[in-house]
Amino acid sequence: MESPAKHEVEENDPRPPFAATVSRVAVAQICLTVGYAAAEPAALRSLADIGARFVQALARSGASVAAAHGRTDANLLDLVRAMEELSLPRGFDGAFDPTRPLLGSSILRELMAFVRSVEEIPFPRPIRRESVRASVSPSFAQMGRETPFGHVPRWLPCFPEAWERSRREGKGRGDGREGEAKREMTKGVRLLGEGERVLPADRERVWFRLEYCGGSCGERKTKRISEEVEERGGKRR
């Protein structure tokens, strides 16, 4: 069981979580719409928690349906299926027919009728949008370019400009062997920035240990091969 002190700290926290604050304001707007002029803080927190849990359950169910069909993001059909799953305890029209079209679901029709019958109440404050996706380079199709290799589809992001430039320079020199040699020379080189490279000053010795079974199955022989590699002046010892 959680201690009462923890609940007291959470209630006295001057900065509640962002999602809880948004849910609380939304519930307060609903209460004002249906005629309430005030609400107890405890009741408001409880209603906000119920609303947030419903949205969370809806999102979790929609993501589960999408994953079951091999999709990473949920679409409208997945959300309709999630709403039907959450409505199963009380039942709804057409629940007996699993082959019915989802866009004709009675749950979706009820939601659409409700949206048309009530006046929209905008949120009183702008909601902060947090980007969860990293910036993606434009694809070959978006740039109107052809891929340099036949096995690379055009919907993939373009290669980095530095790579394209080095590839063009390698083609200009000849058969590309210089580029291969350059890549071999730069193995293990740490890039500091554009045009800046540095080799580690102190490099460790490399040890290799090979184990194998020889002779009878009951005997196990161990062969240890040690190789000391020192790459100074391009020599190996």
C-alpha atoms as a PDB file:
ATOM      1  CA  MET A   1       0.000   0.000   0.000  1.00  0.00           C
ATOM      2  CA  GLU A   2       1.147   3.514  -0.726  1.00  0.00           C
ATOM      3  CA  SER A   3       1.795   5.725   2.221  1.00  0.00           C
ATOM      4  CA  PRO A   4      -0.530   8.676   2.946  1.00  0.00           C
ATOM      5  CA  ALA A   5       2.521  10.929   2.860  1.00  0.00           C
ATOM      6  CA  LYS A   6       2.989  10.152  -0.836  1.00  0.00           C
ATOM      7  CA  HIS A   7      -0.601  11.140  -1.617  1.00  0.00           C
ATOM      8  CA  GLU A   8      -0.145  14.301   0.413  1.00  0.00           C
ATOM      9  CA  VAL A   9       2.974  15.197  -1.557  1.00  0.00           C
ATOM     10  CA  GLU A  10       1.175  14.550  -4.865  1.00  0.00           C
ATOM     11  CA  GLU A  11      -1.799  16.691  -3.829  1.00  0.00           C
ATOM     12  CA  ASN A  12       0.457  19.512  -2.670  1.00  0.00           C
ATOM     13  CA  ASP A  13       2.627  19.373  -5.793  1.00  0.00           C
ATOM     14  CA  PRO A  14       2.299  22.837  -7.387  1.00  0.00           C
ATOM     15  CA  ARG A  15       3.168  21.420 -10.820  1.00  0.00           C
ATOM     16  CA  PRO A  16       0.893  18.487 -11.728  1.00  0.00           C
ATOM     17  CA  PRO A  17       1.674  16.438 -14.850  1.00  0.00           C
ATOM     18  CA  PHE A  18       0.858  18.114 -18.142  1.00  0.00           C
ATOM     19  CA  ALA A  19      -1.588  15.407 -19.272  1.00  0.00           C
ATOM     20  CA  ALA A  20      -3.415  15.533 -15.939  1.00  0.00           C
ATOM     21  CA  THR A  21      -3.741  19.307 -16.204  1.00  0.00           C
ATOM     22  CA  VAL A  22      -5.182  19.104 -19.727  1.00  0.00           C
ATOM     23  CA  SER A  23      -7.643  16.417 -18.641  1.00  0.00           C
ATOM     24  CA  ARG A  24      -8.707  18.460 -15.623  1.00  0.00           C
ATOM     25  CA  VAL A  25      -9.386  21.561 -17.718  1.00  0.00           C
ATOM     26  CA  ALA A  26     -11.356  19.511 -20.253  1.00  0.00           C
ATOM     27  CA  VAL A  27     -13.510  17.961 -17.508  1.00  0.00           C
ATOM     28  CA  ALA A  28     -14.070  21.390 -15.973  1.00  0.00           C
ATOM     29  CA  GLN A  29     -15.311  22.638 -19.349  1.00  0.00           C
ATOM     30  CA  ILE A  30     -17.710  19.689 -19.581  1.00  0.00           C
ATOM     31  CA  CYS A  31     -19.045  20.477 -16.106  1.00  0.00           C
ATOM     32  CA  LEU A  32     -19.607  24.110 -17.058  1.00  0.00           C
ATOM     33  CA  THR A  33     -21.398  23.042 -20.234  1.00  0.00           C
ATOM     34  CA  VAL A  34     -23.924  20.846 -18.404  1.00  0.00           C
ATOM     35  CA  GLY A  35     -24.723  23.591 -15.889  1.00  0.00           C
ATOM     36  CA  TYR A  36     -22.290  23.275 -12.984  1.00  0.00           C
ATOM     37  CA  ALA A  37     -20.792  26.503 -11.660  1.00  0.00           C
ATOM     38  CA  ALA A  38     -18.221  24.931  -9.318  1.00  0.00           C
ATOM     39  CA  ALA A  39     -16.774  21.549  -8.402  1.00  0.00           C
ATOM     40  CA  GLU A  40     -14.914  20.049  -5.499  1.00  0.00           C
ATOM     41  CA  PRO A  41     -11.198  19.542  -6.244  1.00  0.00           C
ATOM     42  CA  ALA A  42     -11.349  15.858  -5.264  1.00  0.00           C
ATOM     43  CA  ALA A  43     -14.343  15.201  -7.531  1.00  0.00           C
ATOM     44  CA  LEU A  44     -12.701  17.099 -10.375  1.00  0.00           C
ATOM     45  CA  ARG A  45      -9.519  15.058 -10.011  1.00  0.00           C
ATOM     46  CA  SER A  46     -11.500  11.809 -10.009  1.00  0.00           C
ATOM     47  CA  LEU A  47     -13.447  12.708 -13.151  1.00  0.00           C
ATOM     48  CA  ALA A  48     -10.266  13.886 -14.869  1.00  0.00           C
ATOM     49  CA  ASP A  49      -8.556  10.607 -13.975  1.00  0.00           C
ATOM     50  CA  ILE A  50     -11.473   8.596 -15.384  1.00  0.00           C
ATOM     51  CA  GLY A  51     -11.398  10.576 -18.628  1.00  0.00           C
ATOM     52  CA  ALA A  52      -7.629  10.228 -18.984  1.00  0.00           C
ATOM     53  CA  ARG A  53      -7.799   6.481 -18.332  1.00  0.00           C
ATOM     54  CA  PHE A  54     -10.494   6.092 -20.989  1.00  0.00           C
ATOM     55  CA  VAL A  55      -8.388   7.916 -23.583  1.00  0.00           C
ATOM     56  CA  GLN A  56      -5.365   5.838 -22.579  1.00  0.00           C
ATOM     57  CA  ALA A  57      -7.327   2.587 -22.884  1.00  0.00           C
ATOM     58  CA  LEU A  58      -8.654   3.683 -26.275  1.00  0.00           C
ATOM     59  CA  ALA A  59      -5.149   4.459 -27.531  1.00  0.00           C
ATOM     60  CA  ARG A  60      -3.736   1.203 -26.154  1.00  0.00           C
ATOM     61  CA  SER A  61      -6.496  -0.867 -27.746  1.00  0.00           C
ATOM     62  CA  GLY A  62      -6.115   0.916 -31.087  1.00  0.00           C
ATOM     63  CA  ALA A  63      -2.358   0.355 -31.069  1.00  0.00           C
ATOM     64  CA  SER A  64      -2.910  -3.328 -30.255  1.00  0.00           C
ATOM     65  CA  VAL A  65      -5.316  -3.746 -33.184  1.00  0.00           C
ATOM     66  CA  ALA A  66      -2.867  -1.988 -35.512  1.00  0.00           C
ATOM     67  CA  ALA A  67       0.027  -4.177 -34.353  1.00  0.00           C
ATOM     68  CA  ALA A  68      -2.084  -7.315 -34.872  1.00  0.00           C
ATOM     69  CA  HIS A  69      -2.543  -6.282 -38.518  1.00  0.00           C
ATOM     70  CA  GLY A  70       1.142  -5.461 -39.039  1.00  0.00           C
ATOM     71  CA  ARG A  71       0.891  -1.672 -38.791  1.00  0.00           C
ATOM     72  CA  THR A  72       2.970   0.610 -36.607  1.00  0.00           C
ATOM     73  CA  ASP A  73       0.394   3.437 -36.425  1.00  0.00           C
ATOM     74  CA  ALA A  74      -3.316   3.166 -35.739  1.00  0.00           C
ATOM     75  CA  ASN A  75      -5.787   4.434 -38.334  1.00  0.00           C
ATOM     76  CA  LEU A  76      -9.506   5.248 -38.175  1.00  0.00           C
ATOM     77  CA  LEU A  77     -10.571   1.616 -38.531  1.00  0.00           C
ATOM     78  CA  ASP A  78      -8.328   0.599 -35.628  1.00  0.00           C
ATOM     79  CA  LEU A  79      -9.858   3.309 -33.429  1.00  0.00           C
ATOM     80  CA  VAL A  80     -13.384   2.213 -34.366  1.00  0.00           C
ATOM     81  CA  ARG A  81     -12.498  -1.339 -33.401  1.00  0.00           C
ATOM     82  CA  ALA A  82     -11.047  -0.053 -30.127  1.00  0.00           C
ATOM     83  CA  MET A  83     -14.246   1.899 -29.365  1.00  0.00           C
ATOM     84  CA  GLU A  84     -16.289  -1.227 -30.022  1.00  0.00           C
ATOM     85  CA  GLU A  85     -14.110  -3.254 -27.672  1.00  0.00           C
ATOM     86  CA  LEU A  86     -14.575  -0.694 -24.904  1.00  0.00           C
ATOM     87  CA  SER A  87     -18.346  -0.694 -25.547  1.00  0.00           C
ATOM     88  CA  LEU A  88     -18.751  -4.482 -25.391  1.00  0.00           C
ATOM     89  CA  PRO A  89     -19.760  -4.591 -21.674  1.00  0.00           C
ATOM     90  CA  ARG A  90     -22.886  -2.491 -22.335  1.00  0.00           C
ATOM     91  CA  GLY A  91     -23.426  -3.787 -25.866  1.00  0.00           C
ATOM     92  CA  PHE A  92     -24.185  -1.986 -29.126  1.00  0.00           C
ATOM     93  CA  ASP A  93     -26.113  -2.562 -32.336  1.00  0.00           C
ATOM     94  CA  GLY A  94     -24.420  -4.934 -34.743  1.00  0.00           C
ATOM     95  CA  ALA A  95     -22.046  -6.491 -32.219  1.00  0.00           C
ATOM     96  CA  PHE A  96     -23.234  -9.973 -33.221  1.00  0.00           C
ATOM     97  CA  ASP A  97     -21.965  -9.578 -36.814  1.00  0.00           C
ATOM     98  CA  PRO A  98     -18.153  -9.682 -37.066  1.00  0.00           C
ATOM     99  CA  THR A  99     -18.255  -9.186 -40.854  1.00  0.00           C
ATOM    100  CA  ARG A 100     -20.007  -5.803 -40.772  1.00  0.00           C
ATOM    101  CA  PRO A 101     -18.128  -2.794 -42.231  1.00  0.00           C
ATOM    102  CA  LEU A 102     -16.397  -0.817 -39.498  1.00  0.00           C
ATOM    103  CA  LEU A 103     -17.226   2.550 -41.046  1.00  0.00           C
ATOM    104  CA  GLY A 104     -20.911   1.692 -40.579  1.00  0.00           C
ATOM    105  CA  SER A 105     -20.497   0.867 -36.888  1.00  0.00           C
ATOM    106  CA  SER A 106     -23.277   2.069 -34.608  1.00  0.00           C
ATOM    107  CA  ILE A 107     -20.652   3.363 -32.159  1.00  0.00           C
ATOM    108  CA  LEU A 108     -19.198   5.600 -34.853  1.00  0.00           C
ATOM    109  CA  ARG A 109     -22.656   6.760 -35.940  1.00  0.00           C
ATOM    110  CA  GLU A 110     -23.558   7.685 -32.350  1.00  0.00           C
ATOM    111  CA  LEU A 111     -20.347   9.669 -32.001  1.00  0.00           C
ATOM    112  CA  MET A 112     -20.973  11.493 -35.276  1.00  0.00           C
ATOM    113  CA  ALA A 113     -24.548  12.305 -34.224  1.00  0.00           C
ATOM    114  CA  PHE A 114     -23.312  13.684 -30.905  1.00  0.00           C
ATOM    115  CA  VAL A 115     -20.725  15.901 -32.594  1.00  0.00           C
ATOM    116  CA  ARG A 116     -23.370  17.293 -34.949  1.00  0.00           C
ATOM    117  CA  SER A 117     -25.882  17.966 -32.157  1.00  0.00           C
ATOM    118  CA  VAL A 118     -23.654  19.916 -29.758  1.00  0.00           C
ATOM    119  CA  GLU A 119     -21.779  23.144 -30.145  1.00  0.00           C
ATOM    120  CA  GLU A 120     -18.025  22.827 -30.234  1.00  0.00           C
ATOM    121  CA  ILE A 121     -16.241  24.185 -27.167  1.00  0.00           C
ATOM    122  CA  PRO A 122     -12.627  25.029 -28.004  1.00  0.00           C
ATOM    123  CA  PHE A 123      -9.943  24.447 -25.419  1.00  0.00           C
ATOM    124  CA  PRO A 124      -9.318  27.707 -23.526  1.00  0.00           C
ATOM    125  CA  ARG A 125      -5.564  27.604 -24.039  1.00  0.00           C
ATOM    126  CA  PRO A 126      -3.256  26.449 -26.834  1.00  0.00           C
ATOM    127  CA  ILE A 127      -2.019  22.916 -26.226  1.00  0.00           C
ATOM    128  CA  ARG A 128       1.732  22.376 -26.404  1.00  0.00           C
ATOM    129  CA  ARG A 129       2.695  20.028 -29.202  1.00  0.00           C
ATOM    130  CA  GLU A 130       5.734  17.875 -28.616  1.00  0.00           C
ATOM    131  CA  SER A 131       7.342  16.307 -31.625  1.00  0.00           C
ATOM    132  CA  VAL A 132       8.101  12.636 -31.027  1.00  0.00           C
ATOM    133  CA  ARG A 133       9.512  11.907 -34.451  1.00  0.00           C
ATOM    134  CA  ALA A 134      12.990  12.817 -35.543  1.00  0.00           C
ATOM    135  CA  SER A 135      13.408  14.923 -38.632  1.00  0.00           C
ATOM    136  CA  VAL A 136      13.588  12.738 -41.726  1.00  0.00           C
ATOM    137  CA  SER A 137      15.472  13.640 -44.869  1.00  0.00           C
ATOM    138  CA  PRO A 138      13.347  13.969 -48.022  1.00  0.00           C
ATOM    139  CA  SER A 139      13.050  10.862 -50.136  1.00  0.00           C
ATOM    140  CA  PHE A 140      14.375  10.398 -53.647  1.00  0.00           C
ATOM    141  CA  ALA A 141      10.802  10.674 -54.958  1.00  0.00           C
ATOM    142  CA  GLN A 142      10.220  13.959 -53.142  1.00  0.00           C
ATOM    143  CA  MET A 143      13.464  15.371 -54.512  1.00  0.00           C
ATOM    144  CA  GLY A 144      12.675  14.137 -58.033  1.00  0.00           C
ATOM    145  CA  ARG A 145      15.886  12.117 -58.202  1.00  0.00           C
ATOM    146  CA  GLU A 146      16.733   8.582 -59.190  1.00  0.00           C
ATOM    147  CA  THR A 147      18.469   6.265 -56.745  1.00  0.00           C
ATOM    148  CA  PRO A 148      22.137   5.505 -57.449  1.00  0.00           C
ATOM    149  CA  PHE A 149      21.506   1.767 -57.031  1.00  0.00           C
ATOM    150  CA  GLY A 150      18.821  -0.372 -58.583  1.00  0.00           C
ATOM    151  CA  HIS A 151      17.937  -2.175 -55.349  1.00  0.00           C
ATOM    152  CA  VAL A 152      17.236   1.084 -53.459  1.00  0.00           C
ATOM    153  CA  PRO A 153      13.568   2.173 -53.752  1.00  0.00           C
ATOM    154  CA  ARG A 154      12.750   5.817 -54.437  1.00  0.00           C
ATOM    155  CA  TRP A 155      10.634   6.212 -51.288  1.00  0.00           C
ATOM    156  CA  LEU A 156      13.689   5.899 -49.022  1.00  0.00           C
ATOM    157  CA  PRO A 157      15.446   9.061 -47.762  1.00  0.00           C
ATOM    158  CA  CYS A 158      18.246  10.433 -49.897  1.00  0.00           C
ATOM    159  CA  PHE A 159      21.816   9.577 -49.048  1.00  0.00           C
ATOM    160  CA  PRO A 160      23.819  12.232 -47.163  1.00  0.00           C
ATOM    161  CA  GLU A 161      25.263  14.936 -49.359  1.00  0.00           C
ATOM    162  CA  ALA A 162      28.788  14.169 -48.120  1.00  0.00           C
ATOM    163  CA  TRP A 163      28.411  10.575 -49.285  1.00  0.00           C
ATOM    164  CA  GLU A 164      27.074  11.659 -52.662  1.00  0.00           C
ATOM    165  CA  ARG A 165      29.951  14.121 -53.084  1.00  0.00           C
ATOM    166  CA  SER A 166      32.606  11.530 -52.215  1.00  0.00           C
ATOM    167  CA  ARG A 167      30.968   9.075 -54.593  1.00  0.00           C
ATOM    168  CA  ARG A 168      31.031  11.590 -57.445  1.00  0.00           C
ATOM    169  CA  GLU A 169      34.662  12.435 -56.728  1.00  0.00           C
ATOM    170  CA  GLY A 170      35.558   8.746 -56.730  1.00  0.00           C
ATOM    171  CA  LYS A 171      33.912   8.287 -60.119  1.00  0.00           C
ATOM    172  CA  GLY A 172      35.799  11.279 -61.509  1.00  0.00           C
ATOM    173  CA  ARG A 173      39.175   9.835 -60.557  1.00  0.00           C
ATOM    174  CA  GLY A 174      38.782   6.563 -62.418  1.00  0.00           C
ATOM    175  CA  ASP A 175      37.586   3.099 -61.570  1.00  0.00           C
ATOM    176  CA  GLY A 176      36.888   3.850 -57.918  1.00  0.00           C
ATOM    177  CA  ARG A 177      39.873   2.018 -56.449  1.00  0.00           C
ATOM    178  CA  GLU A 178      41.105   5.194 -54.841  1.00  0.00           C
ATOM    179  CA  GLY A 179      37.795   5.495 -53.033  1.00  0.00           C
ATOM    180  CA  GLU A 180      38.083   1.916 -51.800  1.00  0.00           C
ATOM    181  CA  ALA A 181      41.615   2.544 -50.579  1.00  0.00           C
ATOM    182  CA  LYS A 182      40.479   5.705 -48.848  1.00  0.00           C
ATOM    183  CA  ARG A 183      37.710   3.833 -47.049  1.00  0.00           C
ATOM    184  CA  GLU A 184      40.197   1.175 -45.945  1.00  0.00           C
ATOM    185  CA  MET A 185      42.546   3.842 -44.611  1.00  0.00           C
ATOM    186  CA  THR A 186      39.790   5.572 -42.661  1.00  0.00           C
ATOM    187  CA  LYS A 187      38.642   2.464 -40.802  1.00  0.00           C
ATOM    188  CA  GLY A 188      38.803   3.170 -37.107  1.00  0.00           C
ATOM    189  CA  VAL A 189      39.051   6.905 -37.674  1.00  0.00           C
ATOM    190  CA  ARG A 190      36.789   8.946 -35.442  1.00  0.00           C
ATOM    191  CA  LEU A 191      35.048  11.860 -37.118  1.00  0.00           C
ATOM    192  CA  LEU A 192      35.040  15.078 -35.126  1.00  0.00           C
ATOM    193  CA  GLY A 193      33.135  17.146 -37.627  1.00  0.00           C
ATOM    194  CA  GLU A 194      33.033  18.015 -41.264  1.00  0.00           C
ATOM    195  CA  GLY A 195      36.560  17.540 -42.552  1.00  0.00           C
ATOM    196  CA  GLU A 196      38.032  16.909 -39.087  1.00  0.00           C
ATOM    197  CA  ARG A 197      39.375  13.474 -38.256  1.00  0.00           C
ATOM    198  CA  VAL A 198      41.559  12.164 -35.517  1.00  0.00           C
ATOM    199  CA  LEU A 199      43.152   8.834 -34.660  1.00  0.00           C
ATOM    200  CA  PRO A 200      43.185   7.636 -31.064  1.00  0.00           C
ATOM    201  CA  ALA A 201      46.584   8.279 -29.515  1.00  0.00           C
ATOM    202  CA  ASP A 202      46.744   5.098 -27.444  1.00  0.00           C
ATOM    203  CA  ARG A 203      45.341   1.943 -28.959  1.00  0.00           C
ATOM    204  CA  GLU A 204      44.971  -1.291 -27.068  1.00  0.00           C
ATOM    205  CA  ARG A 205      46.629  -4.556 -27.934  1.00  0.00           C
ATOM    206  CA  VAL A 206      44.336  -7.071 -29.575  1.00  0.00           C
ATOM    207  CA  TRP A 207      44.179 -10.618 -28.229  1.00  0.00           C
ATOM    208  CA  PHE A 208      42.407 -13.496 -29.969  1.00  0.00           C
ATOM    209  CA  ARG A 209      41.472 -16.737 -28.213  1.00  0.00           C
ATOM    210  CA  LEU A 210      40.272 -19.743 -30.195  1.00  0.00           C
ATOM    211  CA  GLU A 211      38.850 -22.843 -28.512  1.00  0.00           C
ATOM    212  CA  TYR A 212      38.201 -26.126 -30.244  1.00  0.00           C
ATOM    213  CA  CYS A 213      37.680 -29.833 -29.500  1.00  0.00           C
ATOM    214  CA  GLY A 214      40.286 -32.192 -30.897  1.00  0.00           C
ATOM    215  CA  GLY A 215      40.833 -35.912 -30.681  1.00  0.00           C
ATOM    216  CA  SER A 216      38.180 -37.765 -28.719  1.00  0.00           C
ATOM    217  CA  CYS A 217      34.992 -36.128 -27.530  1.00  0.00           C
ATOM    218  CA  GLY A 218      36.090 -36.383 -23.906  1.00  0.00           C
ATOM    219  CA  GLU A 219      39.218 -34.390 -24.468  1.00  0.00           C
ATOM    220  CA  ARG A 220      39.059 -30.667 -24.869  1.00  0.00           C
ATOM    221  CA  LYS A 221      42.069 -28.805 -26.044  1.00  0.00           C
ATOM    222  CA  THR A 222      42.452 -25.122 -25.891  1.00  0.00           C
ATOM    223  CA  LYS A 223      44.592 -23.244 -28.279  1.00  0.00           C
ATOM    224  CA  ARG A 224      45.406 -19.701 -27.530  1.00  0.00           C
ATOM    225  CA  ILE A 225      46.645 -17.467 -30.270  1.00  0.00           C
ATOM    226  CA  SER A 226      47.778 -14.050 -29.303  1.00  0.00           C
ATOM    227  CA  GLU A 227      48.499 -11.420 -31.819  1.00  0.00           C
ATOM    228  CA  GLU A 228      49.914  -8.084 -30.914  1.00  0.00           C
ATOM    229  CA  VAL A 229      48.994  -5.470 -33.440  1.00  0.00           C
ATOM    230  CA  GLU A 230      50.799  -2.185 -33.480  1.00  0.00           C
ATOM    231  CA  GLU A 231      49.779   0.173 -36.239  1.00  0.00           C
ATOM    232  CA  ARG A 232      52.476   2.759 -36.259  1.00  0.00           C
ATOM    233  CA  GLY A 233      53.854   3.900 -39.567  1.00  0.00           C
ATOM    234  CA  GLY A 234      51.615   1.420 -41.350  1.00  0.00           C
ATOM    235  CA  LYS A 235      53.582  -1.603 -39.994  1.00  0.00           C
ATOM    236  CA  ARG A 236      52.181  -4.674 -38.270  1.00  0.00           C
ATOM    237  CA  ARG A 237      54.221  -6.703 -35.841  1.00  0.00           C
END
